């Protein structure tokens, strides 16, 4: 039985290269459909078209913060829809993460996206408080972490936590290619850069009941940590940061082992090695640690959007009855060393 202070997910939204909403994206991932394709004009260092995933509903010429906002608007509105149907006026705190500062995406990018997105969403809902960060791969889960903290401290009744990312700026793609991170026949340990956005509407269980909102999932736990031995350095990764994130998460979690694992592994060897060591540091907490899901195989590497999109996958599975068990672990790791993990439970835990 969940407590009155339990934090629940009451709305999700997703827009990916596989679909313009959560249900179509989840169905495509479940079916193993891949959106990976040749870039319309970018050529890699081997003389071949770059392998990417992209949102075909947005003009390829649209760039910068405007492109990110265009990707983010509809999933943010989808996540807010259950609340917008309520007749009770309320304010929502928006906590947004974007990709880390990089060529093609300068410092201040996340703040620009945040400002423009708030302007678009303010036509539908009153946004008050929150903020933005350039969090990278773990960014969306960091947004969920801070949203949970905001709710527990009573600073908001509802939090819209989300992530949006796009790697499709030509300067960004060239930088990835120079760093030998692009997947190709000549570089099998690279990844396919993409673009997407995901959002979760979070509130306390008591608030959801007061507003007549049906919980989709329970946030069983959230955790963050930092890794010093980062990717693209000479240091050897031993999973200390991710292992710590798992340990912090499991300290207050149910003793039941994790049934489902979804992560942002994208083909880079570093991420696989990191996960392997992190699992060894947390024995007995997984039903089958080798049975993990990597949606990047289908929708590409979508950076900061990853975490909230993983939440939408679990929410869809719960809603449609194919979830494998009561506890799901989702995690992601940023190049800047940030590590974040979230443990999700089905809505039956909150009743």
C-alpha atoms as a PDB file:
ATOM      1  CA  UNK A   1       0.000   0.000   0.000  1.00  0.00           C
ATOM      2  CA  UNK A   2       1.440   3.358  -1.045  1.00  0.00           C
ATOM      3  CA  UNK A   3       1.667   6.254   1.398  1.00  0.00           C
ATOM      4  CA  UNK A   4      -0.149   9.545   0.992  1.00  0.00           C
ATOM      5  CA  UNK A   5       3.146  11.206   0.028  1.00  0.00           C
ATOM      6  CA  UNK A   6       3.804   8.728  -2.783  1.00  0.00           C
ATOM      7  CA  UNK A   7       4.701  10.465  -6.035  1.00  0.00           C
ATOM      8  CA  UNK A   8       2.892   9.209  -9.102  1.00  0.00           C
ATOM      9  CA  UNK A   9       2.966   9.751 -12.841  1.00  0.00           C
ATOM     10  CA  UNK A  10      -0.420  10.984 -14.086  1.00  0.00           C
ATOM     11  CA  UNK A  11       0.525  11.962 -17.627  1.00  0.00           C
ATOM     12  CA  UNK A  12       3.169  11.076 -20.231  1.00  0.00           C
ATOM     13  CA  UNK A  13       4.093  12.452 -23.611  1.00  0.00           C
ATOM     14  CA  UNK A  14       6.561  11.279 -26.238  1.00  0.00           C
ATOM     15  CA  UNK A  15       7.670  12.313 -29.687  1.00  0.00           C
ATOM     16  CA  UNK A  16      10.340  10.199 -31.347  1.00  0.00           C
ATOM     17  CA  UNK A  17      11.567   9.280 -34.836  1.00  0.00           C
ATOM     18  CA  UNK A  18       9.246   6.266 -34.500  1.00  0.00           C
ATOM     19  CA  UNK A  19       6.044   8.118 -33.683  1.00  0.00           C
ATOM     20  CA  UNK A  20       4.510  11.438 -32.733  1.00  0.00           C
ATOM     21  CA  UNK A  21       3.001  10.184 -29.471  1.00  0.00           C
ATOM     22  CA  UNK A  22       3.706   7.753 -26.637  1.00  0.00           C
ATOM     23  CA  UNK A  23       1.518   4.900 -27.861  1.00  0.00           C
ATOM     24  CA  UNK A  24       2.879   4.753 -31.416  1.00  0.00           C
ATOM     25  CA  UNK A  25       6.484   5.121 -30.235  1.00  0.00           C
ATOM     26  CA  UNK A  26       6.079   2.352 -27.653  1.00  0.00           C
ATOM     27  CA  UNK A  27       4.382   0.043 -30.154  1.00  0.00           C
ATOM     28  CA  UNK A  28       7.218   0.544 -32.633  1.00  0.00           C
ATOM     29  CA  UNK A  29       9.885  -0.154 -30.008  1.00  0.00           C
ATOM     30  CA  UNK A  30       8.027  -3.260 -28.845  1.00  0.00           C
ATOM     31  CA  UNK A  31       7.897  -4.482 -32.454  1.00  0.00           C
ATOM     32  CA  UNK A  32      11.617  -3.818 -32.910  1.00  0.00           C
ATOM     33  CA  UNK A  33      11.094  -1.312 -35.717  1.00  0.00           C
ATOM     34  CA  UNK A  34      14.135   0.821 -36.509  1.00  0.00           C
ATOM     35  CA  UNK A  35      14.012   4.451 -37.652  1.00  0.00           C
ATOM     36  CA  UNK A  36      17.710   4.514 -38.552  1.00  0.00           C
ATOM     37  CA  UNK A  37      18.271   5.963 -42.014  1.00  0.00           C
ATOM     38  CA  UNK A  38      20.822   7.802 -44.122  1.00  0.00           C
ATOM     39  CA  UNK A  39      21.104  11.521 -43.459  1.00  0.00           C
ATOM     40  CA  UNK A  40      19.774  13.503 -46.469  1.00  0.00           C
ATOM     41  CA  UNK A  41      23.145  15.130 -47.165  1.00  0.00           C
ATOM     42  CA  UNK A  42      25.747  14.671 -44.363  1.00  0.00           C
ATOM     43  CA  UNK A  43      28.696  12.384 -45.253  1.00  0.00           C
ATOM     44  CA  UNK A  44      30.949  10.729 -42.646  1.00  0.00           C
ATOM     45  CA  UNK A  45      34.755  10.381 -42.644  1.00  0.00           C
ATOM     46  CA  UNK A  46      34.484   7.090 -44.536  1.00  0.00           C
ATOM     47  CA  UNK A  47      32.672   8.797 -47.395  1.00  0.00           C
ATOM     48  CA  UNK A  48      29.319   7.225 -46.567  1.00  0.00           C
ATOM     49  CA  UNK A  49      26.012   8.893 -45.607  1.00  0.00           C
ATOM     50  CA  UNK A  50      25.769   9.386 -41.844  1.00  0.00           C
ATOM     51  CA  UNK A  51      23.364   7.002 -40.084  1.00  0.00           C
ATOM     52  CA  UNK A  52      20.825   8.996 -38.063  1.00  0.00           C
ATOM     53  CA  UNK A  53      17.229   9.014 -36.903  1.00  0.00           C
ATOM     54  CA  UNK A  54      15.126  12.118 -37.385  1.00  0.00           C
ATOM     55  CA  UNK A  55      11.673  13.533 -36.890  1.00  0.00           C
ATOM     56  CA  UNK A  56      10.193  13.425 -40.377  1.00  0.00           C
ATOM     57  CA  UNK A  57       7.360  15.713 -39.317  1.00  0.00           C
ATOM     58  CA  UNK A  58       9.717  18.677 -38.964  1.00  0.00           C
ATOM     59  CA  UNK A  59      11.419  20.490 -41.823  1.00  0.00           C
ATOM     60  CA  UNK A  60      15.050  19.372 -42.021  1.00  0.00           C
ATOM     61  CA  UNK A  61      16.028  23.035 -42.455  1.00  0.00           C
ATOM     62  CA  UNK A  62      14.600  24.069 -39.055  1.00  0.00           C
ATOM     63  CA  UNK A  63      17.502  24.303 -36.623  1.00  0.00           C
ATOM     64  CA  UNK A  64      18.632  25.412 -33.184  1.00  0.00           C
ATOM     65  CA  UNK A  65      16.336  26.051 -30.254  1.00  0.00           C
ATOM     66  CA  UNK A  66      13.369  26.429 -32.602  1.00  0.00           C
ATOM     67  CA  UNK A  67      13.774  22.829 -33.766  1.00  0.00           C
ATOM     68  CA  UNK A  68      14.030  21.515 -30.216  1.00  0.00           C
ATOM     69  CA  UNK A  69      10.904  23.416 -29.180  1.00  0.00           C
ATOM     70  CA  UNK A  70       8.969  22.145 -32.181  1.00  0.00           C
ATOM     71  CA  UNK A  71       9.845  18.590 -31.126  1.00  0.00           C
ATOM     72  CA  UNK A  72       8.932  19.255 -27.489  1.00  0.00           C
ATOM     73  CA  UNK A  73       5.575  21.051 -27.731  1.00  0.00           C
ATOM     74  CA  UNK A  74       3.235  18.172 -28.571  1.00  0.00           C
ATOM     75  CA  UNK A  75       4.608  15.635 -26.040  1.00  0.00           C
ATOM     76  CA  UNK A  76       4.551  18.304 -23.322  1.00  0.00           C
ATOM     77  CA  UNK A  77       0.909  19.020 -24.125  1.00  0.00           C
ATOM     78  CA  UNK A  78       0.140  15.290 -24.154  1.00  0.00           C
ATOM     79  CA  UNK A  79       1.605  14.895 -20.671  1.00  0.00           C
ATOM     80  CA  UNK A  80      -0.420  17.894 -19.446  1.00  0.00           C
ATOM     81  CA  UNK A  81      -3.678  16.741 -21.030  1.00  0.00           C
ATOM     82  CA  UNK A  82      -5.092  14.890 -17.966  1.00  0.00           C
ATOM     83  CA  UNK A  83      -4.650  18.025 -15.878  1.00  0.00           C
ATOM     84  CA  UNK A  84      -5.994  20.359 -18.560  1.00  0.00           C
ATOM     85  CA  UNK A  85      -9.214  18.338 -18.566  1.00  0.00           C
ATOM     86  CA  UNK A  86      -9.740  19.298 -14.925  1.00  0.00           C
ATOM     87  CA  UNK A  87     -11.911  22.305 -14.106  1.00  0.00           C
ATOM     88  CA  UNK A  88      -9.760  23.166 -11.083  1.00  0.00           C
ATOM     89  CA  UNK A  89      -7.242  25.962 -11.776  1.00  0.00           C
ATOM     90  CA  UNK A  90      -3.678  25.070 -10.853  1.00  0.00           C
ATOM     91  CA  UNK A  91      -0.063  25.900 -11.568  1.00  0.00           C
ATOM     92  CA  UNK A  92       2.571  23.555 -12.953  1.00  0.00           C
ATOM     93  CA  UNK A  93       6.319  23.685 -12.359  1.00  0.00           C
ATOM     94  CA  UNK A  94       8.269  22.931 -15.564  1.00  0.00           C
ATOM     95  CA  UNK A  95      11.673  21.252 -15.157  1.00  0.00           C
ATOM     96  CA  UNK A  96      13.393  20.741 -18.504  1.00  0.00           C
ATOM     97  CA  UNK A  97      16.695  19.222 -19.605  1.00  0.00           C
ATOM     98  CA  UNK A  98      18.459  19.473 -22.940  1.00  0.00           C
ATOM     99  CA  UNK A  99      21.730  18.136 -24.334  1.00  0.00           C
ATOM    100  CA  UNK A 100      25.104  19.090 -22.945  1.00  0.00           C
ATOM    101  CA  UNK A 101      26.908  22.089 -24.427  1.00  0.00           C
ATOM    102  CA  UNK A 102      28.683  20.949 -27.597  1.00  0.00           C
ATOM    103  CA  UNK A 103      29.532  22.139 -31.101  1.00  0.00           C
ATOM    104  CA  UNK A 104      26.272  23.097 -32.765  1.00  0.00           C
ATOM    105  CA  UNK A 105      24.583  23.586 -29.389  1.00  0.00           C
ATOM    106  CA  UNK A 106      26.256  26.385 -27.391  1.00  0.00           C
ATOM    107  CA  UNK A 107      25.947  27.305 -23.740  1.00  0.00           C
ATOM    108  CA  UNK A 108      22.568  28.808 -22.968  1.00  0.00           C
ATOM    109  CA  UNK A 109      20.767  26.497 -25.403  1.00  0.00           C
ATOM    110  CA  UNK A 110      18.709  24.796 -22.674  1.00  0.00           C
ATOM    111  CA  UNK A 111      17.598  28.176 -21.311  1.00  0.00           C
ATOM    112  CA  UNK A 112      16.536  29.286 -24.787  1.00  0.00           C
ATOM    113  CA  UNK A 113      14.487  26.139 -25.296  1.00  0.00           C
ATOM    114  CA  UNK A 114      12.945  26.522 -21.848  1.00  0.00           C
ATOM    115  CA  UNK A 115      11.874  30.114 -22.497  1.00  0.00           C
ATOM    116  CA  UNK A 116      10.401  29.357 -25.916  1.00  0.00           C
ATOM    117  CA  UNK A 117       8.637  26.207 -24.726  1.00  0.00           C
ATOM    118  CA  UNK A 118       7.105  27.997 -21.739  1.00  0.00           C
ATOM    119  CA  UNK A 119       5.745  30.638 -24.103  1.00  0.00           C
ATOM    120  CA  UNK A 120       4.083  27.966 -26.266  1.00  0.00           C
ATOM    121  CA  UNK A 121       2.670  26.011 -23.307  1.00  0.00           C
ATOM    122  CA  UNK A 122       1.411  29.075 -21.421  1.00  0.00           C
ATOM    123  CA  UNK A 123      -1.478  29.223 -23.865  1.00  0.00           C
ATOM    124  CA  UNK A 124      -2.737  25.962 -22.326  1.00  0.00           C
ATOM    125  CA  UNK A 125      -1.617  25.979 -18.675  1.00  0.00           C
ATOM    126  CA  UNK A 126      -0.159  28.273 -15.999  1.00  0.00           C
ATOM    127  CA  UNK A 127       3.554  27.536 -15.556  1.00  0.00           C
ATOM    128  CA  UNK A 128       5.224  28.681 -12.358  1.00  0.00           C
ATOM    129  CA  UNK A 129       8.731  27.827 -11.147  1.00  0.00           C
ATOM    130  CA  UNK A 130      11.081  25.111 -12.273  1.00  0.00           C
ATOM    131  CA  UNK A 131      14.012  25.694 -14.578  1.00  0.00           C
ATOM    132  CA  UNK A 132      16.305  24.137 -17.152  1.00  0.00           C
ATOM    133  CA  UNK A 133      19.656  22.386 -17.361  1.00  0.00           C
ATOM    134  CA  UNK A 134      21.999  21.099 -20.038  1.00  0.00           C
ATOM    135  CA  UNK A 135      22.021  17.656 -18.472  1.00  0.00           C
ATOM    136  CA  UNK A 136      22.870  15.363 -21.366  1.00  0.00           C
ATOM    137  CA  UNK A 137      21.835  11.705 -21.452  1.00  0.00           C
ATOM    138  CA  UNK A 138      20.926  11.605 -17.763  1.00  0.00           C
ATOM    139  CA  UNK A 139      19.216  14.992 -18.008  1.00  0.00           C
ATOM    140  CA  UNK A 140      15.640  13.791 -18.349  1.00  0.00           C
ATOM    141  CA  UNK A 141      16.007  11.572 -15.293  1.00  0.00           C
ATOM    142  CA  UNK A 142      17.663  14.436 -13.413  1.00  0.00           C
ATOM    143  CA  UNK A 143      14.574  16.508 -14.235  1.00  0.00           C
ATOM    144  CA  UNK A 144      12.406  13.772 -12.703  1.00  0.00           C
ATOM    145  CA  UNK A 145      14.694  13.681  -9.643  1.00  0.00           C
ATOM    146  CA  UNK A 146      14.345  17.431  -9.092  1.00  0.00           C
ATOM    147  CA  UNK A 147      10.603  17.274  -9.742  1.00  0.00           C
ATOM    148  CA  UNK A 148      10.210  14.666  -7.005  1.00  0.00           C
ATOM    149  CA  UNK A 149      12.254  16.850  -4.643  1.00  0.00           C
ATOM    150  CA  UNK A 150      10.083  19.865  -5.481  1.00  0.00           C
ATOM    151  CA  UNK A 151       6.895  17.918  -4.769  1.00  0.00           C
ATOM    152  CA  UNK A 152       8.178  16.444  -1.509  1.00  0.00           C
ATOM    153  CA  UNK A 153       9.180  19.896  -0.274  1.00  0.00           C
ATOM    154  CA  UNK A 154       5.706  21.217  -1.058  1.00  0.00           C
ATOM    155  CA  UNK A 155       6.975  23.810  -3.522  1.00  0.00           C
ATOM    156  CA  UNK A 156       4.510  22.706  -6.221  1.00  0.00           C
ATOM    157  CA  UNK A 157       1.437  20.533  -6.629  1.00  0.00           C
ATOM    158  CA  UNK A 158       2.317  19.385 -10.136  1.00  0.00           C
ATOM    159  CA  UNK A 159       5.644  19.110 -11.948  1.00  0.00           C
ATOM    160  CA  UNK A 160       6.149  18.615 -15.661  1.00  0.00           C
ATOM    161  CA  UNK A 161       9.562  16.959 -15.991  1.00  0.00           C
ATOM    162  CA  UNK A 162      11.008  16.431 -19.415  1.00  0.00           C
ATOM    163  CA  UNK A 163      13.930  16.226 -21.778  1.00  0.00           C
ATOM    164  CA  UNK A 164      14.444  17.234 -25.377  1.00  0.00           C
ATOM    165  CA  UNK A 165      17.482  16.678 -27.548  1.00  0.00           C
ATOM    166  CA  UNK A 166      18.508  16.825 -31.189  1.00  0.00           C
ATOM    167  CA  UNK A 167      21.891  15.848 -32.584  1.00  0.00           C
ATOM    168  CA  UNK A 168      21.072  16.812 -36.154  1.00  0.00           C
ATOM    169  CA  UNK A 169      22.931  20.118 -36.357  1.00  0.00           C
ATOM    170  CA  UNK A 170      25.631  19.636 -39.042  1.00  0.00           C
ATOM    171  CA  UNK A 171      28.299  20.988 -36.694  1.00  0.00           C
ATOM    172  CA  UNK A 172      27.247  18.470 -34.035  1.00  0.00           C
ATOM    173  CA  UNK A 173      27.323  15.557 -36.474  1.00  0.00           C
ATOM    174  CA  UNK A 174      30.795  16.545 -37.709  1.00  0.00           C
ATOM    175  CA  UNK A 175      32.010  16.752 -34.098  1.00  0.00           C
ATOM    176  CA  UNK A 176      30.655  13.280 -33.338  1.00  0.00           C
ATOM    177  CA  UNK A 177      32.357  11.958 -36.461  1.00  0.00           C
ATOM    178  CA  UNK A 178      35.686  13.528 -35.468  1.00  0.00           C
ATOM    179  CA  UNK A 179      35.365  11.892 -32.033  1.00  0.00           C
ATOM    180  CA  UNK A 180      34.726   8.505 -33.691  1.00  0.00           C
ATOM    181  CA  UNK A 181      31.282   8.249 -32.087  1.00  0.00           C
ATOM    182  CA  UNK A 182      29.159   7.834 -35.216  1.00  0.00           C
ATOM    183  CA  UNK A 183      28.046   4.296 -36.015  1.00  0.00           C
ATOM    184  CA  UNK A 184      29.003   3.038 -39.467  1.00  0.00           C
ATOM    185  CA  UNK A 185      30.414  -0.045 -41.157  1.00  0.00           C
ATOM    186  CA  UNK A 186      33.835   1.388 -40.356  1.00  0.00           C
ATOM    187  CA  UNK A 187      32.974   2.109 -36.719  1.00  0.00           C
ATOM    188  CA  UNK A 188      30.642  -0.523 -35.268  1.00  0.00           C
ATOM    189  CA  UNK A 189      31.009   0.802 -31.722  1.00  0.00           C
ATOM    190  CA  UNK A 190      29.547   4.207 -32.511  1.00  0.00           C
ATOM    191  CA  UNK A 191      25.927   5.327 -32.181  1.00  0.00           C
ATOM    192  CA  UNK A 192      23.192   6.647 -34.445  1.00  0.00           C
ATOM    193  CA  UNK A 193      22.328  10.208 -33.337  1.00  0.00           C
ATOM    194  CA  UNK A 194      18.675  11.157 -33.238  1.00  0.00           C
ATOM    195  CA  UNK A 195      16.186  13.622 -31.799  1.00  0.00           C
ATOM    196  CA  UNK A 196      13.170  13.308 -29.533  1.00  0.00           C
ATOM    197  CA  UNK A 197      11.330  14.689 -26.521  1.00  0.00           C
ATOM    198  CA  UNK A 198       9.636  13.064 -23.561  1.00  0.00           C
ATOM    199  CA  UNK A 199       7.648  14.449 -20.622  1.00  0.00           C
ATOM    200  CA  UNK A 200       6.056  13.177 -17.399  1.00  0.00           C
ATOM    201  CA  UNK A 201       3.451  14.939 -15.288  1.00  0.00           C
ATOM    202  CA  UNK A 202       4.152  14.158 -11.633  1.00  0.00           C
ATOM    203  CA  UNK A 203       2.204  14.808  -8.446  1.00  0.00           C
ATOM    204  CA  UNK A 204       1.563  13.299  -5.022  1.00  0.00           C
ATOM    205  CA  UNK A 205      -0.956  10.492  -4.785  1.00  0.00           C
ATOM    206  CA  UNK A 206      -3.235  12.582  -2.562  1.00  0.00           C
ATOM    207  CA  UNK A 207      -3.239  15.431  -5.080  1.00  0.00           C
ATOM    208  CA  UNK A 208      -4.019  13.058  -7.924  1.00  0.00           C
ATOM    209  CA  UNK A 209      -7.035  11.815  -5.955  1.00  0.00           C
ATOM    210  CA  UNK A 210      -8.210  15.352  -5.223  1.00  0.00           C
ATOM    211  CA  UNK A 211      -8.109  16.195  -8.929  1.00  0.00           C
ATOM    212  CA  UNK A 212      -9.641  12.900 -10.035  1.00  0.00           C
ATOM    213  CA  UNK A 213      -6.502  11.884 -11.921  1.00  0.00           C
ATOM    214  CA  UNK A 214      -5.650   8.228 -12.445  1.00  0.00           C
ATOM    215  CA  UNK A 215      -2.039   7.260 -11.596  1.00  0.00           C
ATOM    216  CA  UNK A 216      -0.208   5.569 -14.453  1.00  0.00           C
ATOM    217  CA  UNK A 217       2.886   4.648 -12.434  1.00  0.00           C
ATOM    218  CA  UNK A 218       4.421   5.129  -9.010  1.00  0.00           C
ATOM    219  CA  UNK A 219       7.883   6.660  -8.577  1.00  0.00           C
ATOM    220  CA  UNK A 220       9.297   4.081  -6.159  1.00  0.00           C
ATOM    221  CA  UNK A 221      12.683   5.791  -5.990  1.00  0.00           C
ATOM    222  CA  UNK A 222      15.031   8.248  -7.702  1.00  0.00           C
ATOM    223  CA  UNK A 223      18.786   8.634  -7.364  1.00  0.00           C
ATOM    224  CA  UNK A 224      21.770  10.475  -8.803  1.00  0.00           C
ATOM    225  CA  UNK A 225      25.527  10.039  -8.637  1.00  0.00           C
ATOM    226  CA  UNK A 226      28.673  11.142 -10.464  1.00  0.00           C
ATOM    227  CA  UNK A 227      31.319   9.215 -12.388  1.00  0.00           C
ATOM    228  CA  UNK A 228      34.905  10.510 -12.406  1.00  0.00           C
ATOM    229  CA  UNK A 229      36.214   8.053 -15.023  1.00  0.00           C
ATOM    230  CA  UNK A 230      34.305   9.507 -17.938  1.00  0.00           C
ATOM    231  CA  UNK A 231      33.891   8.485 -21.537  1.00  0.00           C
ATOM    232  CA  UNK A 232      36.373   9.952 -24.050  1.00  0.00           C
ATOM    233  CA  UNK A 233      39.154  10.018 -21.435  1.00  0.00           C
ATOM    234  CA  UNK A 234      42.093   7.713 -20.753  1.00  0.00           C
ATOM    235  CA  UNK A 235      40.555   6.591 -17.447  1.00  0.00           C
ATOM    236  CA  UNK A 236      39.248   3.021 -17.083  1.00  0.00           C
ATOM    237  CA  UNK A 237      35.565   2.858 -16.185  1.00  0.00           C
ATOM    238  CA  UNK A 238      34.690   0.558 -13.280  1.00  0.00           C
ATOM    239  CA  UNK A 239      31.040   1.542 -12.902  1.00  0.00           C
ATOM    240  CA  UNK A 240      31.558   3.423  -9.648  1.00  0.00           C
ATOM    241  CA  UNK A 241      29.139   6.260 -10.478  1.00  0.00           C
ATOM    242  CA  UNK A 242      26.352   4.145 -11.939  1.00  0.00           C
ATOM    243  CA  UNK A 243      26.900   1.529  -9.244  1.00  0.00           C
ATOM    244  CA  UNK A 244      26.436   4.230  -6.605  1.00  0.00           C
ATOM    245  CA  UNK A 245      23.258   5.455  -8.300  1.00  0.00           C
ATOM    246  CA  UNK A 246      21.886   1.905  -8.174  1.00  0.00           C
ATOM    247  CA  UNK A 247      22.913   1.490  -4.546  1.00  0.00           C
ATOM    248  CA  UNK A 248      21.259   4.755  -3.473  1.00  0.00           C
ATOM    249  CA  UNK A 249      18.125   3.721  -5.345  1.00  0.00           C
ATOM    250  CA  UNK A 250      17.922   0.272  -3.770  1.00  0.00           C
ATOM    251  CA  UNK A 251      18.579   1.454  -0.201  1.00  0.00           C
ATOM    252  CA  UNK A 252      14.959   2.513   0.264  1.00  0.00           C
ATOM    253  CA  UNK A 253      13.431   0.249  -2.395  1.00  0.00           C
ATOM    254  CA  UNK A 254      11.387  -2.913  -1.923  1.00  0.00           C
ATOM    255  CA  UNK A 255      13.428  -6.069  -1.457  1.00  0.00           C
ATOM    256  CA  UNK A 256      11.883  -7.561  -4.598  1.00  0.00           C
ATOM    257  CA  UNK A 257      14.348  -7.830  -7.504  1.00  0.00           C
ATOM    258  CA  UNK A 258      13.949  -5.619 -10.553  1.00  0.00           C
ATOM    259  CA  UNK A 259      11.809  -7.181 -13.294  1.00  0.00           C
ATOM    260  CA  UNK A 260      12.513  -4.859 -16.222  1.00  0.00           C
ATOM    261  CA  UNK A 261      15.550  -2.753 -17.157  1.00  0.00           C
ATOM    262  CA  UNK A 262      15.555   0.020 -19.772  1.00  0.00           C
ATOM    263  CA  UNK A 263      18.692   2.054 -20.403  1.00  0.00           C
ATOM    264  CA  UNK A 264      20.436   4.443 -22.758  1.00  0.00           C
ATOM    265  CA  UNK A 265      23.136   2.053 -23.974  1.00  0.00           C
ATOM    266  CA  UNK A 266      23.732   2.978 -27.603  1.00  0.00           C
ATOM    267  CA  UNK A 267      26.508   0.721 -28.928  1.00  0.00           C
ATOM    268  CA  UNK A 268      29.458   2.481 -27.294  1.00  0.00           C
ATOM    269  CA  UNK A 269      31.626  -0.032 -25.420  1.00  0.00           C
ATOM    270  CA  UNK A 270      32.085   2.328 -22.476  1.00  0.00           C
ATOM    271  CA  UNK A 271      28.388   2.172 -21.574  1.00  0.00           C
ATOM    272  CA  UNK A 272      28.255  -1.608 -21.691  1.00  0.00           C
ATOM    273  CA  UNK A 273      31.357  -1.939 -19.514  1.00  0.00           C
ATOM    274  CA  UNK A 274      29.977   0.610 -17.063  1.00  0.00           C
ATOM    275  CA  UNK A 275      26.705  -1.266 -16.674  1.00  0.00           C
ATOM    276  CA  UNK A 276      28.431  -4.593 -16.185  1.00  0.00           C
ATOM    277  CA  UNK A 277      30.504  -3.280 -13.295  1.00  0.00           C
ATOM    278  CA  UNK A 278      27.516  -1.433 -11.795  1.00  0.00           C
ATOM    279  CA  UNK A 279      25.538  -4.692 -11.701  1.00  0.00           C
ATOM    280  CA  UNK A 280      28.421  -6.496  -9.984  1.00  0.00           C
ATOM    281  CA  UNK A 281      28.391  -3.763  -7.334  1.00  0.00           C
ATOM    282  CA  UNK A 282      24.704  -4.487  -6.625  1.00  0.00           C
ATOM    283  CA  UNK A 283      24.307  -8.275  -6.469  1.00  0.00           C
ATOM    284  CA  UNK A 284      20.920  -9.859  -5.940  1.00  0.00           C
ATOM    285  CA  UNK A 285      18.859  -6.847  -7.055  1.00  0.00           C
ATOM    286  CA  UNK A 286      18.020  -8.023 -10.586  1.00  0.00           C
ATOM    287  CA  UNK A 287      15.947 -10.970 -11.771  1.00  0.00           C
ATOM    288  CA  UNK A 288      18.133 -11.076 -14.895  1.00  0.00           C
ATOM    289  CA  UNK A 289      20.645  -8.242 -15.296  1.00  0.00           C
ATOM    290  CA  UNK A 290      21.463  -9.429 -18.823  1.00  0.00           C
ATOM    291  CA  UNK A 291      17.850  -8.968 -19.910  1.00  0.00           C
ATOM    292  CA  UNK A 292      17.875  -5.226 -20.550  1.00  0.00           C
ATOM    293  CA  UNK A 293      16.251  -3.085 -23.244  1.00  0.00           C
ATOM    294  CA  UNK A 294      18.059  -0.505 -25.382  1.00  0.00           C
ATOM    295  CA  UNK A 295      15.510   1.609 -27.297  1.00  0.00           C
ATOM    296  CA  UNK A 296      18.379   3.468 -28.996  1.00  0.00           C
ATOM    297  CA  UNK A 297      18.502   0.456 -31.329  1.00  0.00           C
ATOM    298  CA  UNK A 298      15.122   1.613 -32.628  1.00  0.00           C
ATOM    299  CA  UNK A 299      14.792   5.392 -32.199  1.00  0.00           C
ATOM    300  CA  UNK A 300      18.502   6.219 -32.098  1.00  0.00           C
ATOM    301  CA  UNK A 301      20.437   7.969 -29.375  1.00  0.00           C
ATOM    302  CA  UNK A 302      18.077  10.689 -28.145  1.00  0.00           C
ATOM    303  CA  UNK A 303      20.223  12.094 -25.344  1.00  0.00           C
ATOM    304  CA  UNK A 304      18.390  14.086 -22.675  1.00  0.00           C
ATOM    305  CA  UNK A 305      14.990  12.816 -23.826  1.00  0.00           C
ATOM    306  CA  UNK A 306      15.893   9.226 -22.913  1.00  0.00           C
ATOM    307  CA  UNK A 307      14.679   9.001 -19.305  1.00  0.00           C
ATOM    308  CA  UNK A 308      11.164  10.430 -19.714  1.00  0.00           C
ATOM    309  CA  UNK A 309      10.751   8.333 -22.858  1.00  0.00           C
ATOM    310  CA  UNK A 310      11.614   5.219 -20.841  1.00  0.00           C
ATOM    311  CA  UNK A 311       8.882   6.219 -18.381  1.00  0.00           C
ATOM    312  CA  UNK A 312       6.408   6.400 -21.257  1.00  0.00           C
ATOM    313  CA  UNK A 313       7.415   2.894 -22.393  1.00  0.00           C
ATOM    314  CA  UNK A 314       6.671   1.475 -18.940  1.00  0.00           C
ATOM    315  CA  UNK A 315       3.422   3.461 -18.673  1.00  0.00           C
ATOM    316  CA  UNK A 316       2.241   2.128 -22.029  1.00  0.00           C
ATOM    317  CA  UNK A 317       3.124  -1.429 -21.019  1.00  0.00           C
ATOM    318  CA  UNK A 318       1.166  -1.075 -17.767  1.00  0.00           C
ATOM    319  CA  UNK A 319      -1.829   0.482 -19.504  1.00  0.00           C
ATOM    320  CA  UNK A 320      -1.955  -2.193 -22.213  1.00  0.00           C
ATOM    321  CA  UNK A 321      -1.215  -5.158 -19.967  1.00  0.00           C
ATOM    322  CA  UNK A 322       2.136  -6.403 -21.232  1.00  0.00           C
ATOM    323  CA  UNK A 323       4.387  -5.135 -18.443  1.00  0.00           C
ATOM    324  CA  UNK A 324       6.661  -7.965 -17.293  1.00  0.00           C
ATOM    325  CA  UNK A 325       6.485  -7.324 -13.530  1.00  0.00           C
ATOM    326  CA  UNK A 326       5.872  -4.755 -10.800  1.00  0.00           C
ATOM    327  CA  UNK A 327       9.318  -3.085 -10.702  1.00  0.00           C
ATOM    328  CA  UNK A 328      11.172  -1.406 -13.565  1.00  0.00           C
ATOM    329  CA  UNK A 329      14.616   0.195 -13.435  1.00  0.00           C
ATOM    330  CA  UNK A 330      15.488   2.952 -15.902  1.00  0.00           C
ATOM    331  CA  UNK A 331      18.899   4.592 -16.019  1.00  0.00           C
ATOM    332  CA  UNK A 332      21.087   6.876 -18.100  1.00  0.00           C
ATOM    333  CA  UNK A 333      24.614   8.293 -18.028  1.00  0.00           C
ATOM    334  CA  UNK A 334      25.876  11.640 -19.322  1.00  0.00           C
ATOM    335  CA  UNK A 335      29.278  12.374 -20.809  1.00  0.00           C
ATOM    336  CA  UNK A 336      29.754  15.016 -18.089  1.00  0.00           C
ATOM    337  CA  UNK A 337      29.732  12.258 -15.465  1.00  0.00           C
ATOM    338  CA  UNK A 338      26.145  12.612 -14.239  1.00  0.00           C
ATOM    339  CA  UNK A 339      24.390   9.326 -13.522  1.00  0.00           C
ATOM    340  CA  UNK A 340      20.693   8.956 -12.736  1.00  0.00           C
ATOM    341  CA  UNK A 341      18.336   6.063 -12.107  1.00  0.00           C
ATOM    342  CA  UNK A 342      14.642   5.714 -11.335  1.00  0.00           C
ATOM    343  CA  UNK A 343      12.632   2.778 -10.032  1.00  0.00           C
ATOM    344  CA  UNK A 344       9.048   2.591 -11.296  1.00  0.00           C
ATOM    345  CA  UNK A 345       6.133   0.603  -9.945  1.00  0.00           C
ATOM    346  CA  UNK A 346       2.787  -0.168 -11.515  1.00  0.00           C
ATOM    347  CA  UNK A 347      -0.294   1.855 -10.592  1.00  0.00           C
ATOM    348  CA  UNK A 348      -1.598  -1.010  -8.444  1.00  0.00           C
ATOM    349  CA  UNK A 349       1.137  -0.127  -5.942  1.00  0.00           C
ATOM    350  CA  UNK A 350      -0.571   3.256  -5.450  1.00  0.00           C
ATOM    351  CA  UNK A 351      -4.074   2.008  -4.653  1.00  0.00           C
END
